[in-house]
Amino acid sequence: MNGTQLEYKMRDVSGLTMFFPPVSVARSLNVFWISVILFSAGYTFSSSLYSLAAIFQGLQIIGLVGVVFACFSLAGSDKISGYLQLFLIVYMLWQIFFMIRGDYQDIKYEDMKSLIFNGNYGVACVLIPLTVLLPVSLISIKKLIDASFISFFLYIIFSIVLLTDLLNPDPLDAFSREALETSVKFLAFPAGFILLTFDLHSNRRKIFALIVFFLSIVLAIIRARRGVLLMDGIVAIFAFTFYFFRSSKKIGWALAIVYFMVLGYQFYTLEFSLKKIHFLGNLFDKGLENTRTYVEDCFYSSMTPVDWIIGKGYNTGYRCPGIDESVFGSSIRKVIETDYLQLVLNGGMVNLLLLLAIILPAVFLGFFKSSNLFCKKAATWIMIWLFFLYPSNGYTFSIFHISMWLMVALCYNAKFRSLSDQVILNYFTKEIKQNTSGKA
């Protein structure tokens, strides 16, 4: 199929803007993703390089303004389904409701800064679901991929600058722990999306994404961060599963899987010997140690029936003596690392159920009502984000969280779901870019 025929087929399947959006839309998408990188990278660096925090927070302000501007510019450029539109409005109104109900009494200057600049629990995170209003197009995916690779470069720079801290052998060192988890969540984890959509990328990009992915795994093993390892493991399993079923060498891969299972069992039986290896020592020492039950019990005991339904409001907390008192200055802890419970803490079960009412139908549509493999991978990426909400907090101002909502928008879009695998694949190859004079 030549370039003219392919372009005609694209126009016929889903309309011109699916592939060749107006210049103003492309520019607004550039502004959006550059702003996202400024905010998320600014937060990552400012949370570790305290002496330069003011500079990075300045970049965060620019990023936040850019995101709001781009969202207003892009909103309404595509029609969204009535169901999604209704629940998005209700969901955003509920965010406003629990924000108004929040605890802002006696709030100090540093606490106010944290509410603005914190990429994990700050007010800016509430804006992320509006990503579903971005144009549903292949160029939106391309911009996401480009932004992800920029974040990988920043992750490498961050890891080099803080390498001594990231390699700190003390598993209890809070600074090193937070530096690792923040950098992975905000800069490195989109590598999982690249591995999941491996067929759309050049070999050079695949190798770079693999390097970033494995670097995050190695550092997580050294720091004994089980949550990071769990999420990397889930991504690796899904990515390999998609690769396996598309591979022409299934027998060879099947034999390799059996071999590594046997090898893994042998390593398991040598657990006590492996503890002596310095590289694995922290991870085996931590093992299955339960570090969450006490905090969760404190959370449960502080919640009334009304709190479970509508939440306590934003910036409120639960009594948890002995945990992070140096951070919160009292026994009232305002965050809980299990994000499902954090969503309930802020907005109750209503908050969580509204979120699931938007996301789960997108997963169903992507898996069962689509004509292309990309939508199934998009649904898988949404499920990975849902898994992430237990071992960590995924409701963040990060490329990972934003990409999840973009996948939700794609799965709701009937035109995108009707695209063929070949049309999507051709968009990301040189053929179409050469035959359309770079218009894509």
Protein backbone atom coordinates (compact mmCIF):
# COMPACT_ATOMS: atom_id res chain seq x y z
CA MET A 1 0.00 0.00 0.00
CA ASN A 2 1.49 3.33 -1.04
CA GLY A 3 1.35 6.54 1.00
CA THR A 4 -1.64 8.00 -0.87
CA GLN A 5 -3.73 4.85 -0.40
CA LEU A 6 -2.79 4.64 3.27
CA GLU A 7 -3.67 8.28 3.89
CA TYR A 8 -7.02 7.77 2.14
CA LYS A 9 -7.74 4.73 4.28
CA MET A 10 -6.97 6.71 7.40
CA ARG A 11 -9.29 9.52 6.39
CA ASP A 12 -12.01 6.99 5.60
CA VAL A 13 -11.69 5.12 8.90
CA SER A 14 -11.65 7.87 11.49
CA GLY A 15 -11.48 11.36 10.08
CA LEU A 16 -8.61 13.68 9.30
CA THR A 17 -7.96 14.93 12.85
CA MET A 18 -7.28 11.41 14.12
CA PHE A 19 -3.99 11.51 12.18
CA PHE A 20 -3.37 15.07 11.02
CA PRO A 21 -4.71 17.46 13.71
CA PRO A 22 -4.70 21.23 13.22
CA VAL A 23 -1.38 22.96 13.88
CA SER A 24 -2.88 24.74 16.91
CA VAL A 25 -3.78 21.37 18.48
CA ALA A 26 -0.29 19.97 17.88
CA ARG A 27 1.26 23.06 19.48
CA SER A 28 -1.05 22.87 22.49
CA LEU A 29 -0.10 19.21 22.93
CA ASN A 30 3.57 20.24 22.91
CA VAL A 31 2.85 22.85 25.58
CA PHE A 32 0.92 20.29 27.62
CA TRP A 33 3.63 17.62 27.69
CA ILE A 34 6.48 20.07 28.20
CA SER A 35 4.54 21.51 31.14
CA VAL A 36 3.93 18.04 32.58
CA ILE A 37 7.66 17.30 32.41
CA LEU A 38 8.51 20.63 34.07
CA PHE A 39 6.16 19.96 36.97
CA SER A 40 6.91 16.26 37.55
CA ALA A 41 10.68 16.56 37.04
CA GLY A 42 10.73 19.76 39.10
CA TYR A 43 9.06 17.92 41.96
CA THR A 44 11.42 14.96 41.70
CA PHE A 45 14.56 17.11 41.83
CA SER A 46 13.26 19.62 44.40
CA SER A 47 12.32 16.82 46.81
CA SER A 48 15.95 15.65 46.89
CA LEU A 49 18.13 18.67 46.01
CA TYR A 50 16.94 20.97 48.77
CA SER A 51 19.47 23.74 48.07
CA LEU A 52 18.00 24.18 44.56
CA ALA A 53 14.38 23.62 45.55
CA ALA A 54 13.33 27.22 44.80
CA ILE A 55 14.55 26.93 41.20
CA PHE A 56 12.76 23.64 40.60
CA GLN A 57 9.58 24.89 42.25
CA GLY A 58 9.69 27.84 39.87
CA LEU A 59 9.71 25.33 37.02
CA GLN A 60 6.75 23.60 38.65
CA ILE A 61 4.76 26.84 38.64
CA ILE A 62 5.50 27.33 34.94
CA GLY A 63 4.50 23.72 34.32
CA LEU A 64 1.23 24.03 36.23
CA VAL A 65 0.24 27.20 34.36
CA GLY A 66 1.15 25.53 31.06
CA VAL A 67 -0.95 22.45 31.81
CA VAL A 68 -4.01 24.54 32.69
CA PHE A 69 -3.56 26.70 29.58
CA ALA A 70 -3.13 23.67 27.30
CA CYS A 71 -6.13 21.86 28.80
CA PHE A 72 -8.37 24.88 28.20
CA SER A 73 -7.03 25.15 24.64
CA LEU A 74 -7.61 21.47 23.89
CA ALA A 75 -10.83 20.80 25.79
CA GLY A 76 -13.78 20.22 23.53
CA SER A 77 -11.69 19.55 20.42
CA ASP A 78 -13.09 15.99 20.51
CA LYS A 79 -16.53 14.81 21.53
CA ILE A 80 -16.60 12.34 24.40
CA SER A 81 -19.31 9.81 25.17
CA GLY A 82 -22.32 10.93 27.19
CA TYR A 83 -21.55 8.38 29.92
CA LEU A 84 -17.96 9.57 30.32
CA GLN A 85 -19.03 13.21 30.19
CA LEU A 86 -21.64 12.72 32.93
CA PHE A 87 -19.40 10.80 35.32
CA LEU A 88 -16.44 13.11 34.72
CA ILE A 89 -18.55 16.12 35.69
CA VAL A 90 -19.86 14.38 38.82
CA TYR A 91 -16.39 13.14 39.71
CA MET A 92 -14.78 16.57 39.36
CA LEU A 93 -17.57 18.18 41.38
CA TRP A 94 -16.87 15.63 44.11
CA GLN A 95 -13.19 16.60 44.05
CA ILE A 96 -14.21 20.22 44.60
CA PHE A 97 -16.53 19.12 47.42
CA PHE A 98 -13.88 17.34 49.48
CA MET A 99 -11.33 20.06 48.72
CA ILE A 100 -13.70 22.64 50.23
CA ARG A 101 -14.24 20.36 53.25
CA GLY A 102 -10.48 20.15 53.78
CA ASP A 103 -8.58 21.07 56.91
CA TYR A 104 -6.73 24.35 56.37
CA GLN A 105 -6.80 25.62 59.95
CA ASP A 106 -3.52 26.94 61.27
CA ILE A 107 -1.80 25.94 58.04
CA LYS A 108 1.81 27.12 57.87
CA TYR A 109 3.71 28.57 54.94
CA GLU A 110 5.70 25.38 54.31
CA ASP A 111 2.53 23.30 54.47
CA MET A 112 0.86 25.60 51.94
CA LYS A 113 3.84 25.22 49.61
CA SER A 114 3.56 21.47 49.95
CA LEU A 115 -0.11 21.56 48.95
CA ILE A 116 0.87 23.38 45.76
CA PHE A 117 4.13 21.69 44.80
CA ASN A 118 3.70 18.13 46.10
CA GLY A 119 3.41 15.81 43.10
CA ASN A 120 2.16 12.95 45.27
CA TYR A 121 -0.66 14.48 47.28
CA GLY A 122 -0.86 18.12 46.15
CA VAL A 123 -3.94 19.91 44.85
CA ALA A 124 -2.59 19.77 41.28
CA CYS A 125 -3.20 16.00 41.22
CA VAL A 126 -6.95 16.68 41.20
CA LEU A 127 -6.62 18.20 37.70
CA ILE A 128 -5.20 15.04 36.10
CA PRO A 129 -8.56 13.35 35.20
CA LEU A 130 -9.21 16.28 32.84
CA THR A 131 -6.67 14.56 30.57
CA VAL A 132 -9.62 12.67 29.06
CA LEU A 133 -10.52 15.95 27.33
CA LEU A 134 -7.32 15.86 25.27
CA PRO A 135 -7.72 14.97 21.57
CA VAL A 136 -8.01 11.24 20.94
CA SER A 137 -5.46 10.82 18.18
CA LEU A 138 -2.30 8.98 17.29
CA ILE A 139 -0.31 12.18 17.58
CA SER A 140 -1.39 12.35 21.25
CA ILE A 141 0.19 8.93 21.75
CA LYS A 142 3.31 10.02 19.91
CA LYS A 143 3.64 13.10 22.15
CA LEU A 144 3.22 10.85 25.21
CA ILE A 145 5.99 8.57 23.98
CA ASP A 146 8.31 11.50 23.24
CA ALA A 147 7.64 12.95 26.71
CA SER A 148 8.40 9.56 28.26
CA PHE A 149 11.84 9.43 26.65
CA ILE A 150 12.63 12.92 27.86
CA SER A 151 11.74 11.77 31.37
CA PHE A 152 14.10 8.77 30.94
CA PHE A 153 17.02 11.13 30.22
CA LEU A 154 16.11 13.12 33.33
CA TYR A 155 15.96 9.89 35.34
CA ILE A 156 19.48 8.99 34.25
CA ILE A 157 20.71 12.46 35.23
CA PHE A 158 18.93 12.22 38.60
CA SER A 159 20.40 8.77 39.28
CA ILE A 160 23.92 9.97 38.46
CA VAL A 161 23.64 13.09 40.65
CA LEU A 162 22.27 11.12 43.63
CA LEU A 163 24.03 7.84 42.97
CA THR A 164 25.76 7.80 46.35
CA ASP A 165 22.44 8.17 48.16
CA LEU A 166 20.66 5.65 45.93
CA LEU A 167 23.39 3.11 46.71
CA ASN A 168 23.25 3.80 50.45
CA PRO A 169 23.31 0.35 52.11
CA ASP A 170 21.17 1.51 55.05
CA PRO A 171 17.60 0.28 54.26
CA LEU A 172 16.16 2.61 56.91
CA ASP A 173 17.54 5.81 55.41
CA ALA A 174 14.41 7.84 54.61
CA PHE A 175 16.08 10.28 52.21
CA SER A 176 17.47 7.52 49.97
CA ARG A 177 14.19 5.63 50.06
CA GLU A 178 12.12 8.64 49.00
CA ALA A 179 14.64 9.64 46.33
CA LEU A 180 14.40 6.21 44.74
CA GLU A 181 10.62 5.87 44.85
CA THR A 182 9.98 9.42 43.65
CA SER A 183 12.39 9.17 40.72
CA VAL A 184 10.95 5.83 39.60
CA LYS A 185 7.31 6.91 39.83
CA PHE A 186 7.77 10.30 38.22
CA LEU A 187 10.54 9.67 35.68
CA ALA A 188 11.29 5.99 35.05
CA PHE A 189 8.03 4.06 35.24
CA PRO A 190 6.72 5.14 31.77
CA ALA A 191 9.42 2.78 30.46
CA GLY A 192 6.82 0.11 31.17
CA PHE A 193 4.51 1.68 28.60
CA ILE A 194 7.29 1.61 26.00
CA LEU A 195 7.92 -2.09 26.69
CA LEU A 196 4.19 -2.79 26.53
CA THR A 197 3.95 -1.11 23.11
CA PHE A 198 7.28 -2.53 21.90
CA ASP A 199 6.14 -2.96 18.28
CA LEU A 200 5.75 0.81 17.78
CA HIS A 201 9.34 1.77 18.61
CA SER A 202 12.76 1.60 17.01
CA ASN A 203 15.34 -0.84 18.40
CA ARG A 204 17.36 2.07 19.79
CA ARG A 205 14.39 3.32 21.79
CA LYS A 206 13.54 -0.18 23.01
CA ILE A 207 17.09 -0.67 24.28
CA PHE A 208 17.09 2.70 26.05
CA ALA A 209 13.74 1.92 27.72
CA LEU A 210 15.08 -1.49 28.82
CA ILE A 211 18.18 0.14 30.33
CA VAL A 212 16.04 2.57 32.33
CA PHE A 213 13.67 -0.23 33.36
CA PHE A 214 16.44 -2.53 34.59
CA LEU A 215 18.26 0.33 36.32
CA SER A 216 15.11 1.02 38.34
CA ILE A 217 14.93 -2.68 39.24
CA VAL A 218 18.58 -2.87 40.34
CA LEU A 219 18.28 0.24 42.51
CA ALA A 220 15.00 -1.06 43.98
CA ILE A 221 16.72 -4.32 44.94
CA ILE A 222 19.55 -2.42 46.62
CA ARG A 223 17.09 -0.24 48.51
CA ALA A 224 14.77 -3.22 49.19
CA ARG A 225 11.72 -1.39 47.80
CA ARG A 226 9.25 -4.22 47.40
CA GLY A 227 6.47 -2.04 46.00
CA VAL A 228 8.65 -0.83 43.12
CA LEU A 229 9.80 -4.38 42.39
CA LEU A 230 6.22 -5.65 42.43
CA MET A 231 5.09 -3.04 39.92
CA ASP A 232 8.11 -3.54 37.66
CA GLY A 233 7.45 -7.28 37.81
CA ILE A 234 3.79 -6.86 36.82
CA VAL A 235 4.73 -4.63 33.88
CA ALA A 236 7.40 -7.11 32.76
CA ILE A 237 4.94 -10.01 32.85
CA PHE A 238 2.32 -8.17 30.78
CA ALA A 239 4.89 -6.84 28.30
CA PHE A 240 6.42 -10.29 27.81
CA THR A 241 2.97 -11.87 27.43
CA PHE A 242 2.09 -9.53 24.55
CA TYR A 243 5.52 -10.11 23.01
CA PHE A 244 5.25 -13.90 23.39
CA PHE A 245 1.95 -14.19 21.55
CA ARG A 246 3.23 -12.05 18.67
CA SER A 247 6.56 -13.88 18.45
CA SER A 248 7.25 -16.46 15.76
CA LYS A 249 9.58 -18.32 18.15
CA LYS A 250 7.08 -19.44 20.77
CA ILE A 251 8.70 -22.85 21.34
CA GLY A 252 12.09 -21.29 22.06
CA TRP A 253 10.57 -18.79 24.45
CA ALA A 254 8.52 -21.52 26.16
CA LEU A 255 11.69 -23.55 26.79
CA ALA A 256 13.43 -20.42 28.09
CA ILE A 257 10.53 -19.79 30.50
CA VAL A 258 10.74 -23.36 31.84
CA TYR A 259 14.51 -22.99 32.26
CA PHE A 260 14.22 -19.74 34.21
CA MET A 261 11.46 -21.21 36.39
CA VAL A 262 13.76 -24.09 37.32
CA LEU A 263 16.63 -21.66 37.86
CA GLY A 264 14.40 -19.47 40.00
CA TYR A 265 13.39 -22.43 42.15
CA GLN A 266 17.04 -23.33 42.66
CA PHE A 267 17.76 -19.77 43.79
CA TYR A 268 14.78 -19.96 46.14
CA THR A 269 16.20 -23.05 47.81
CA LEU A 270 19.48 -21.17 48.28
CA GLU A 271 17.78 -18.27 50.06
CA PHE A 272 19.98 -18.34 53.14
CA SER A 273 23.14 -18.38 51.02
CA LEU A 274 21.85 -15.50 48.92
CA LYS A 275 21.44 -13.41 52.06
CA LYS A 276 25.23 -13.28 52.25
CA ILE A 277 25.38 -11.48 48.88
CA HIS A 278 25.61 -7.77 49.73
CA PHE A 279 23.62 -6.81 46.63
CA LEU A 280 20.61 -8.90 47.76
CA GLY A 281 21.08 -8.64 51.50
CA ASN A 282 18.63 -5.82 52.23
CA LEU A 283 15.91 -7.38 50.13
CA PHE A 284 16.13 -10.79 51.83
CA ASP A 285 16.42 -9.21 55.28
CA LYS A 286 13.21 -7.33 54.65
CA GLY A 287 11.60 -10.38 53.05
CA LEU A 288 7.91 -10.59 53.86
CA GLU A 289 8.16 -8.26 56.84
CA ASN A 290 4.79 -6.62 57.44
CA THR A 291 5.27 -2.85 57.58
CA ARG A 292 1.69 -1.79 56.78
CA THR A 293 -0.67 -3.47 59.26
CA TYR A 294 -0.10 -1.00 62.10
CA VAL A 295 -0.67 2.04 59.88
CA GLU A 296 -3.77 0.49 58.29
CA ASP A 297 -5.17 -0.43 61.71
CA CYS A 298 -4.70 3.19 62.79
CA PHE A 299 -6.53 4.31 59.68
CA TYR A 300 -9.45 1.93 60.22
CA SER A 301 -9.87 2.88 63.85
CA SER A 302 -10.04 6.60 63.00
CA MET A 303 -12.77 6.27 60.36
CA THR A 304 -16.42 6.76 61.31
CA PRO A 305 -19.29 5.40 59.13
CA VAL A 306 -19.77 8.90 57.69
CA ASP A 307 -16.03 9.15 56.96
CA TRP A 308 -16.20 5.89 55.03
CA ILE A 309 -19.02 7.28 52.88
CA ILE A 310 -17.92 10.87 52.15
CA GLY A 311 -14.39 10.99 53.57
CA LYS A 312 -12.75 13.39 55.99
CA GLY A 313 -11.89 16.02 53.38
CA TYR A 314 -8.62 17.09 51.81
CA ASN A 315 -5.53 17.61 54.01
CA THR A 316 -7.14 15.85 56.96
CA GLY A 317 -5.64 12.85 58.67
CA TYR A 318 -5.90 9.92 61.05
CA ARG A 319 -4.26 9.32 64.41
CA CYS A 320 -1.16 7.14 64.06
CA PRO A 321 1.30 7.56 66.97
CA GLY A 322 4.94 6.79 66.35
CA ILE A 323 4.87 7.00 62.55
CA ASP A 324 6.37 9.99 60.69
CA GLU A 325 5.94 12.31 63.69
CA SER A 326 9.04 14.22 62.56
CA VAL A 327 7.21 14.98 59.30
CA PHE A 328 3.73 15.81 60.54
CA GLY A 329 4.73 17.19 63.92
CA SER A 330 1.97 15.29 65.75
CA SER A 331 0.30 11.91 65.88
CA ILE A 332 -2.04 12.95 63.04
CA ARG A 333 -0.81 11.42 59.80
CA LYS A 334 -2.25 12.98 56.64
CA VAL A 335 -1.24 10.38 54.07
CA ILE A 336 -1.41 6.63 53.75
CA GLU A 337 0.73 4.89 51.14
CA THR A 338 -2.09 2.62 50.00
CA ASP A 339 -3.80 4.92 47.53
CA TYR A 340 -7.16 3.16 47.68
CA LEU A 341 -7.33 4.17 51.34
CA GLN A 342 -6.01 7.66 50.54
CA LEU A 343 -8.89 8.14 48.09
CA VAL A 344 -11.33 7.04 50.79
CA LEU A 345 -9.64 9.25 53.39
CA ASN A 346 -10.17 12.33 51.23
CA GLY A 347 -13.52 11.63 49.57
CA GLY A 348 -14.89 8.41 50.99
CA MET A 349 -16.19 5.40 49.12
CA VAL A 350 -18.11 7.79 46.91
CA ASN A 351 -14.77 9.09 45.63
CA LEU A 352 -13.41 5.62 44.93
CA LEU A 353 -16.60 4.30 43.31
CA LEU A 354 -16.90 7.31 41.01
CA LEU A 355 -13.31 6.76 39.92
CA LEU A 356 -13.93 3.07 39.22
CA ALA A 357 -17.18 3.90 37.40
CA ILE A 358 -15.11 5.85 34.89
CA ILE A 359 -12.11 3.55 34.61
CA LEU A 360 -13.53 0.01 34.62
CA PRO A 361 -15.83 0.50 31.58
CA ALA A 362 -12.78 1.78 29.68
CA VAL A 363 -10.95 -1.46 30.54
CA PHE A 364 -13.92 -3.51 29.29
CA LEU A 365 -14.16 -1.52 26.04
CA GLY A 366 -10.44 -1.76 25.43
CA PHE A 367 -10.28 -5.53 25.96
CA PHE A 368 -13.54 -6.70 24.43
CA LYS A 369 -14.89 -3.99 22.09
CA SER A 370 -11.81 -3.01 20.11
CA SER A 371 -10.43 -4.07 16.73
CA ASN A 372 -6.77 -3.40 17.49
CA LEU A 373 -4.15 -4.69 19.89
CA PHE A 374 -3.16 -1.20 21.02
CA CYS A 375 -6.52 -0.71 22.79
CA LYS A 376 -5.98 -3.99 24.63
CA LYS A 377 -2.56 -2.72 25.70
CA ALA A 378 -4.18 0.57 26.75
CA ALA A 379 -6.66 -1.38 28.90
CA THR A 380 -3.74 -3.33 30.36
CA TRP A 381 -1.93 -0.08 31.23
CA ILE A 382 -5.08 1.10 33.04
CA MET A 383 -5.18 -2.17 35.00
CA ILE A 384 -1.49 -1.76 35.89
CA TRP A 385 -2.30 1.68 37.32
CA LEU A 386 -5.13 0.15 39.36
CA PHE A 387 -2.72 -2.49 40.70
CA PHE A 388 -0.26 0.28 41.55
CA LEU A 389 -2.78 1.88 43.92
CA TYR A 390 -2.22 -0.81 46.55
CA PRO A 391 1.57 -0.95 47.01
CA SER A 392 2.01 2.78 46.41
CA ASN A 393 0.24 5.98 45.45
CA GLY A 394 -0.50 6.35 41.77
CA TYR A 395 -2.83 9.34 41.96
CA THR A 396 0.05 11.70 41.24
CA PHE A 397 1.05 14.53 38.93
CA SER A 398 3.14 12.23 36.77
CA ILE A 399 3.37 10.98 33.20
CA PHE A 400 2.28 7.55 34.46
CA HIS A 401 -0.99 8.86 35.92
CA ILE A 402 -1.65 11.18 32.98
CA SER A 403 -0.98 8.41 30.45
CA MET A 404 -3.52 6.23 32.26
CA TRP A 405 -6.26 8.83 31.74
CA LEU A 406 -5.22 9.25 28.11
CA MET A 407 -5.67 5.48 27.68
CA VAL A 408 -9.13 5.80 29.27
CA ALA A 409 -10.06 8.41 26.66
CA LEU A 410 -8.74 6.20 23.84
CA CYS A 411 -10.71 3.17 25.05
CA TYR A 412 -13.94 5.18 25.21
CA ASN A 413 -13.46 6.46 21.65
CA ALA A 414 -15.31 4.20 19.19
CA LYS A 415 -13.40 5.52 16.17
CA PHE A 416 -10.05 4.74 17.75
CA ARG A 417 -11.21 1.28 18.80
CA SER A 418 -12.21 0.58 15.18
CA LEU A 419 -8.71 1.22 13.79
CA SER A 420 -6.79 -1.78 12.50
CA ASP A 421 -3.43 -2.83 13.88
CA GLN A 422 -1.82 -2.16 10.51
CA VAL A 423 -3.03 1.44 10.35
CA ILE A 424 -1.68 2.17 13.84
CA LEU A 425 1.60 0.41 13.12
CA ASN A 426 2.05 2.28 9.84
CA TYR A 427 1.59 5.62 11.58
CA PHE A 428 4.64 4.94 13.72
CA THR A 429 6.81 3.73 10.81
CA LYS A 430 8.90 5.74 8.37
CA GLU A 431 6.63 4.86 5.46
CA ILE A 432 3.76 7.12 6.41
CA LYS A 433 5.96 9.96 7.60
CA GLN A 434 7.87 9.94 4.34
CA ASN A 435 4.79 9.67 2.13
CA THR A 436 2.88 12.44 3.88
CA SER A 437 5.77 14.91 3.92
CA GLY A 438 5.94 14.93 7.70
CA LYS A 439 2.37 16.15 8.22
CA ALA A 440 1.78 13.59 10.92
